[in-house]
Each structure stands twice: as structure tokens, then as C-alpha cells.
PDB file of all heavy atoms in Angstrom:
ATOM      1  N   THR A   1     109.938  65.955 114.372  1.00  0.00           N
ATOM      2  CA  THR A   1     110.839  66.139 115.491  1.00  0.00           C
ATOM      3  C   THR A   1     112.116  66.851 115.111  1.00  0.00           C
ATOM      4  O   THR A   1     112.922  67.136 116.016  1.00  0.00           O
ATOM      5  CB  THR A   1     111.220  64.757 116.096  1.00  0.00           C
ATOM      6  OG1 THR A   1     111.775  63.940 115.063  1.00  0.00           O
ATOM      7  CG2 THR A   1     109.990  64.070 116.687  1.00  0.00           C
ATOM      8  N   ARG A   2     112.270  67.198 113.819  1.00  0.00           N
ATOM      9  CA  ARG A   2     113.426  67.984 113.411  1.00  0.00           C
ATOM     10  C   ARG A   2     113.323  69.361 113.997  1.00  0.00           C
ATOM     11  O   ARG A   2     112.241  69.929 114.128  1.00  0.00           O
ATOM     12  CB  ARG A   2     113.488  68.066 111.874  1.00  0.00           C
ATOM     13  CG  ARG A   2     113.822  66.797 111.202  1.00  0.00           C
ATOM     14  CD  ARG A   2     113.853  66.912 109.678  1.00  0.00           C
ATOM     15  NE  ARG A   2     114.776  67.976 109.266  1.00  0.00           N
ATOM     16  CZ  ARG A   2     114.907  68.386 108.011  1.00  0.00           C
ATOM     17  NH1 ARG A   2     114.165  67.806 107.073  1.00  0.00           N
ATOM     18  NH2 ARG A   2     115.778  69.316 107.653  1.00  0.00           N
ATOM     19  N   SER A   3     114.458  69.947 114.361  1.00  0.00           N
ATOM     20  CA  SER A   3     114.455  71.260 115.029  1.00  0.00           C
ATOM     21  C   SER A   3     114.843  72.410 114.132  1.00  0.00           C
ATOM     22  O   SER A   3     115.072  73.514 114.608  1.00  0.00           O
ATOM     23  CB  SER A   3     115.408  71.201 116.242  1.00  0.00           C
ATOM     24  OG  SER A   3     116.729  70.881 115.831  1.00  0.00           O
ATOM     25  N   ASP A   4     114.942  72.171 112.776  1.00  0.00           N
ATOM     26  CA  ASP A   4     115.313  73.230 111.854  1.00  0.00           C
ATOM     27  C   ASP A   4     114.496  74.481 112.063  1.00  0.00           C
ATOM     28  O   ASP A   4     115.007  75.600 112.113  1.00  0.00           O
ATOM     29  CB  ASP A   4     115.143  72.723 110.407  1.00  0.00           C
ATOM     30  CG  ASP A   4     115.882  71.438 110.118  1.00  0.00           C
ATOM     31  OD1 ASP A   4     115.865  70.573 110.984  1.00  0.00           O
ATOM     32  OD2 ASP A   4     116.417  71.334 109.019  1.00  0.00           O
ATOM     33  N   TYR A   5     113.163  74.324 112.100  1.00  0.00           N
ATOM     34  CA  TYR A   5     112.265  75.443 112.252  1.00  0.00           C
ATOM     35  C   TYR A   5     111.517  75.400 113.609  1.00  0.00           C
ATOM     36  O   TYR A   5     110.535  76.054 113.799  1.00  0.00           O
ATOM     37  CB  TYR A   5     111.235  75.477 111.110  1.00  0.00           C
ATOM     38  CG  TYR A   5     111.873  75.570 109.773  1.00  0.00           C
ATOM     39  CD1 TYR A   5     112.024  74.457 108.970  1.00  0.00           C
ATOM     40  CD2 TYR A   5     112.327  76.828 109.330  1.00  0.00           C
ATOM     41  CE1 TYR A   5     112.632  74.574 107.696  1.00  0.00           C
ATOM     42  CE2 TYR A   5     112.894  76.920 108.069  1.00  0.00           C
ATOM     43  CZ  TYR A   5     113.091  75.814 107.257  1.00  0.00           C
ATOM     44  OH  TYR A   5     113.670  75.903 106.031  1.00  0.00           O
ATOM     45  N   GLY A   6     112.066  74.625 114.561  1.00  0.00           N
ATOM     46  CA  GLY A   6     111.409  74.483 115.844  1.00  0.00           C
ATOM     47  C   GLY A   6     110.333  73.439 115.819  1.00  0.00           C
ATOM     48  O   GLY A   6     109.644  73.252 114.819  1.00  0.00           O
ATOM     49  N   ARG A   7     110.220  72.655 116.908  1.00  0.00           N
ATOM     50  CA  ARG A   7     109.212  71.628 116.972  1.00  0.00           C
ATOM     51  C   ARG A   7     107.842  72.243 117.326  1.00  0.00           C
ATOM     52  O   ARG A   7     107.739  73.189 118.101  1.00  0.00           O
ATOM     53  CB  ARG A   7     109.564  70.581 118.009  1.00  0.00           C
ATOM     54  CG  ARG A   7     110.876  69.857 117.752  1.00  0.00           C
ATOM     55  CD  ARG A   7     111.072  68.692 118.726  1.00  0.00           C
ATOM     56  NE  ARG A   7     110.917  69.081 120.108  1.00  0.00           N
ATOM     57  CZ  ARG A   7     110.945  68.213 121.087  1.00  0.00           C
ATOM     58  NH1 ARG A   7     111.102  66.918 120.873  1.00  0.00           N
ATOM     59  NH2 ARG A   7     110.823  68.628 122.352  1.00  0.00           N
ATOM     60  N   LEU A   8     106.811  71.682 116.738  1.00  0.00           N
ATOM     61  CA  LEU A   8     105.436  72.110 117.072  1.00  0.00           C
ATOM     62  C   LEU A   8     105.196  71.983 118.575  1.00  0.00           C
ATOM     63  O   LEU A   8     104.603  72.888 119.166  1.00  0.00           O
ATOM     64  CB  LEU A   8     104.419  71.225 116.299  1.00  0.00           C
ATOM     65  CG  LEU A   8     102.950  71.414 116.679  1.00  0.00           C
ATOM     66  CD1 LEU A   8     102.459  72.820 116.360  1.00  0.00           C
ATOM     67  CD2 LEU A   8     102.062  70.386 115.989  1.00  0.00           C
ATOM     68  N   TRP A   9     105.652  70.900 119.146  1.00  0.00           N
ATOM     69  CA  TRP A   9     105.434  70.674 120.602  1.00  0.00           C
ATOM     70  C   TRP A   9     105.953  71.846 121.451  1.00  0.00           C
ATOM     71  O   TRP A   9     105.313  72.341 122.340  1.00  0.00           O
ATOM     72  CB  TRP A   9     106.047  69.373 121.013  1.00  0.00           C
ATOM     73  CG  TRP A   9     105.523  68.159 120.342  1.00  0.00           C
ATOM     74  CD1 TRP A   9     104.265  67.956 119.835  1.00  0.00           C
ATOM     75  CD2 TRP A   9     106.245  66.941 120.073  1.00  0.00           C
ATOM     76  NE1 TRP A   9     104.174  66.735 119.279  1.00  0.00           N
ATOM     77  CE2 TRP A   9     105.349  66.084 119.395  1.00  0.00           C
ATOM     78  CE3 TRP A   9     107.532  66.492 120.341  1.00  0.00           C
ATOM     79  CZ2 TRP A   9     105.711  64.784 118.967  1.00  0.00           C
ATOM     80  CZ3 TRP A   9     107.908  65.242 119.926  1.00  0.00           C
ATOM     81  CH2 TRP A   9     107.018  64.376 119.258  1.00  0.00           C
ATOM     82  N   ASP A  10     107.160  72.262 121.089  1.00  0.00           N
ATOM     83  CA  ASP A  10     107.795  73.363 121.877  1.00  0.00           C
ATOM     84  C   ASP A  10     107.047  74.722 121.657  1.00  0.00           C
ATOM     85  O   ASP A  10     106.880  75.486 122.591  1.00  0.00           O
ATOM     86  CB  ASP A  10     109.291  73.530 121.446  1.00  0.00           C
ATOM     87  CG  ASP A  10     110.091  72.248 121.725  1.00  0.00           C
ATOM     88  OD1 ASP A  10     109.728  71.547 122.699  1.00  0.00           O
ATOM     89  OD2 ASP A  10     111.028  71.973 120.978  1.00  0.00           O
ATOM     90  N   SER A  11     106.650  74.959 120.382  1.00  0.00           N
ATOM     91  CA  SER A  11     105.949  76.182 120.079  1.00  0.00           C
ATOM     92  C   SER A  11     104.616  76.243 120.818  1.00  0.00           C
ATOM     93  O   SER A  11     104.148  77.269 121.281  1.00  0.00           O
ATOM     94  CB  SER A  11     105.737  76.291 118.570  1.00  0.00           C
ATOM     95  OG  SER A  11     104.941  77.424 118.237  1.00  0.00           O
ATOM     96  N   LEU A  12     103.989  75.064 120.915  1.00  0.00           N
ATOM     97  CA  LEU A  12     102.626  74.981 121.513  1.00  0.00           C
ATOM     98  C   LEU A  12     102.581  75.320 122.997  1.00  0.00           C
ATOM     99  O   LEU A  12     101.588  75.837 123.501  1.00  0.00           O
ATOM    100  CB  LEU A  12     102.122  73.530 121.271  1.00  0.00           C
ATOM    101  CG  LEU A  12     100.610  73.269 121.529  1.00  0.00           C
ATOM    102  CD1 LEU A  12      99.742  74.175 120.677  1.00  0.00           C
ATOM    103  CD2 LEU A  12     100.356  71.820 121.199  1.00  0.00           C
ATOM    104  N   LEU A  13     103.710  75.122 123.675  1.00  0.00           N
ATOM    105  CA  LEU A  13     103.712  75.310 125.141  1.00  0.00           C
ATOM    106  C   LEU A  13     103.327  76.713 125.551  1.00  0.00           C
ATOM    107  O   LEU A  13     102.547  76.887 126.474  1.00  0.00           O
ATOM    108  CB  LEU A  13     105.116  74.985 125.692  1.00  0.00           C
ATOM    109  CG  LEU A  13     105.594  73.541 125.547  1.00  0.00           C
ATOM    110  CD1 LEU A  13     107.005  73.368 126.096  1.00  0.00           C
ATOM    111  CD2 LEU A  13     104.652  72.586 126.243  1.00  0.00           C
ATOM    112  N   GLY A  14     103.801  77.707 124.826  1.00  0.00           N
ATOM    113  CA  GLY A  14     103.488  79.103 125.201  1.00  0.00           C
ATOM    114  C   GLY A  14     102.011  79.449 125.015  1.00  0.00           C
ATOM    115  O   GLY A  14     101.474  80.307 125.715  1.00  0.00           O
ATOM    116  N   PHE A  15     101.322  78.694 124.130  1.00  0.00           N
ATOM    117  CA  PHE A  15      99.906  78.971 123.872  1.00  0.00           C
ATOM    118  C   PHE A  15      99.028  78.282 124.961  1.00  0.00           C
ATOM    119  O   PHE A  15      97.888  78.685 125.203  1.00  0.00           O
ATOM    120  CB  PHE A  15      99.475  78.481 122.501  1.00  0.00           C
ATOM    121  CG  PHE A  15     100.132  79.215 121.393  1.00  0.00           C
ATOM    122  CD1 PHE A  15     101.219  78.665 120.717  1.00  0.00           C
ATOM    123  CD2 PHE A  15      99.673  80.474 120.980  1.00  0.00           C
ATOM    124  CE1 PHE A  15     101.881  79.351 119.691  1.00  0.00           C
ATOM    125  CE2 PHE A  15     100.317  81.156 119.975  1.00  0.00           C
ATOM    126  CZ  PHE A  15     101.403  80.584 119.303  1.00  0.00           C
ATOM    127  N   LEU A  16      99.559  77.232 125.541  1.00  0.00           N
ATOM    128  CA  LEU A  16      98.744  76.420 126.510  1.00  0.00           C
ATOM    129  C   LEU A  16      98.738  77.041 127.906  1.00  0.00           C
ATOM    130  O   LEU A  16      97.922  76.649 128.729  1.00  0.00           O
ATOM    131  CB  LEU A  16      99.275  74.982 126.572  1.00  0.00           C
ATOM    132  CG  LEU A  16      99.222  74.211 125.213  1.00  0.00           C
ATOM    133  CD1 LEU A  16      99.785  72.816 125.416  1.00  0.00           C
ATOM    134  CD2 LEU A  16      97.805  74.144 124.681  1.00  0.00           C
ATOM    135  N   GLU A  17      99.733  77.905 128.200  1.00  0.00           N
ATOM    136  CA  GLU A  17      99.769  78.545 129.510  1.00  0.00           C
ATOM    137  C   GLU A  17      99.045  79.865 129.465  1.00  0.00           C
ATOM    138  O   GLU A  17      99.351  80.734 128.636  1.00  0.00           O
ATOM    139  CB  GLU A  17     101.235  78.815 129.897  1.00  0.00           C
ATOM    140  CG  GLU A  17     102.044  77.558 130.157  1.00  0.00           C
ATOM    141  CD  GLU A  17     101.590  76.891 131.492  1.00  0.00           C
ATOM    142  OE1 GLU A  17     100.855  77.526 132.275  1.00  0.00           O
ATOM    143  OE2 GLU A  17     101.974  75.710 131.695  1.00  0.00           O
ATOM    144  N   PRO A  18      98.045  80.086 130.315  1.00  0.00           N
ATOM    145  CA  PRO A  18      97.227  81.309 130.284  1.00  0.00           C
ATOM    146  C   PRO A  18      98.084  82.590 130.393  1.00  0.00           C
ATOM    147  O   PRO A  18      97.813  83.605 129.716  1.00  0.00           O
ATOM    148  CB  PRO A  18      96.308  81.164 131.499  1.00  0.00           C
ATOM    149  CG  PRO A  18      96.223  79.685 131.717  1.00  0.00           C
ATOM    150  CD  PRO A  18      97.542  79.155 131.347  1.00  0.00           C
ATOM    151  N   GLU A  19      99.100  82.533 131.235  1.00  0.00           N
ATOM    152  CA  GLU A  19      99.936  83.739 131.425  1.00  0.00           C
ATOM    153  C   GLU A  19     100.641  84.182 130.136  1.00  0.00           C
ATOM    154  O   GLU A  19     100.654  85.326 129.774  1.00  0.00           O
ATOM    155  CB  GLU A  19     100.985  83.449 132.514  1.00  0.00           C
ATOM    156  CG  GLU A  19     101.882  84.631 132.876  1.00  0.00           C
ATOM    157  CD  GLU A  19     101.134  85.797 133.556  1.00  0.00           C
ATOM    158  OE1 GLU A  19     100.061  85.535 134.121  1.00  0.00           O
ATOM    159  OE2 GLU A  19     101.644  86.917 133.465  1.00  0.00           O
ATOM    160  N   THR A  20     101.271  83.220 129.445  1.00  0.00           N
ATOM    161  CA  THR A  20     101.962  83.557 128.236  1.00  0.00           C
ATOM    162  C   THR A  20     101.035  83.778 127.033  1.00  0.00           C
ATOM    163  O   THR A  20     101.315  84.580 126.145  1.00  0.00           O
ATOM    164  CB  THR A  20     103.037  82.501 127.893  1.00  0.00           C
ATOM    165  OG1 THR A  20     102.386  81.190 127.932  1.00  0.00           O
ATOM    166  CG2 THR A  20     104.179  82.495 128.900  1.00  0.00           C
ATOM    167  N   ALA A  21      99.905  83.029 127.025  1.00  0.00           N
ATOM    168  CA  ALA A  21      98.945  83.177 125.927  1.00  0.00           C
ATOM    169  C   ALA A  21      98.312  84.577 125.912  1.00  0.00           C
ATOM    170  O   ALA A  21      97.955  85.076 124.850  1.00  0.00           O
ATOM    171  CB  ALA A  21      97.858  82.116 126.052  1.00  0.00           C
ATOM    172  N   ALA A  22      98.222  85.193 127.055  1.00  0.00           N
ATOM    173  CA  ALA A  22      97.630  86.511 127.145  1.00  0.00           C
ATOM    174  C   ALA A  22      98.548  87.636 126.640  1.00  0.00           C
ATOM    175  O   ALA A  22      98.116  88.750 126.415  1.00  0.00           O
ATOM    176  CB  ALA A  22      97.231  86.837 128.576  1.00  0.00           C
ATOM    177  N   ARG A  23      99.831  87.258 126.433  1.00  0.00           N
ATOM    178  CA  ARG A  23     100.799  88.267 125.956  1.00  0.00           C
ATOM    179  C   ARG A  23     101.733  87.639 124.930  1.00  0.00           C
ATOM    180  O   ARG A  23     102.977  87.743 125.048  1.00  0.00           O
ATOM    181  CB  ARG A  23     101.644  88.772 127.178  1.00  0.00           C
ATOM    182  CG  ARG A  23     100.814  89.407 128.269  1.00  0.00           C
ATOM    183  CD  ARG A  23     101.605  89.591 129.533  1.00  0.00           C
ATOM    184  NE  ARG A  23     100.808  90.175 130.607  1.00  0.00           N
ATOM    185  CZ  ARG A  23      99.973  89.446 131.370  1.00  0.00           C
ATOM    186  NH1 ARG A  23      99.877  88.146 131.190  1.00  0.00           N
ATOM    187  NH2 ARG A  23      99.283  90.036 132.329  1.00  0.00           N
ATOM    188  N   TYR A  24     101.130  87.013 123.920  1.00  0.00           N
ATOM    189  CA  TYR A  24     101.990  86.311 122.946  1.00  0.00           C
ATOM    190  C   TYR A  24     102.593  87.272 121.938  1.00  0.00           C
ATOM    191  O   TYR A  24     101.893  88.014 121.247  1.00  0.00           O
ATOM    192  CB  TYR A  24     101.157  85.243 122.192  1.00  0.00           C
ATOM    193  CG  TYR A  24     102.001  84.477 121.195  1.00  0.00           C
ATOM    194  CD1 TYR A  24     102.901  83.549 121.624  1.00  0.00           C
ATOM    195  CD2 TYR A  24     101.889  84.786 119.816  1.00  0.00           C
ATOM    196  CE1 TYR A  24     103.710  82.897 120.699  1.00  0.00           C
ATOM    197  CE2 TYR A  24     102.719  84.083 118.868  1.00  0.00           C
ATOM    198  CZ  TYR A  24     103.584  83.146 119.362  1.00  0.00           C
ATOM    199  OH  TYR A  24     104.391  82.492 118.485  1.00  0.00           O
TER     200      TYR A  24
END
């Protein structure tokens, strides 16, 4: 949950949405 390098949970959000995953 440390935010030094960003949380995995936050990074994962962009991959789970079809719209953003198509243009990562």
C-alpha cells in the first residue's frame, strides 16, 4: 500500500477498462 512507486491497485485500473487498455 506504499505509494513510493505507485500502488498495484491503481496501476491495474487502466488495464481493466477496455477503452484505456486499447491505448495503453
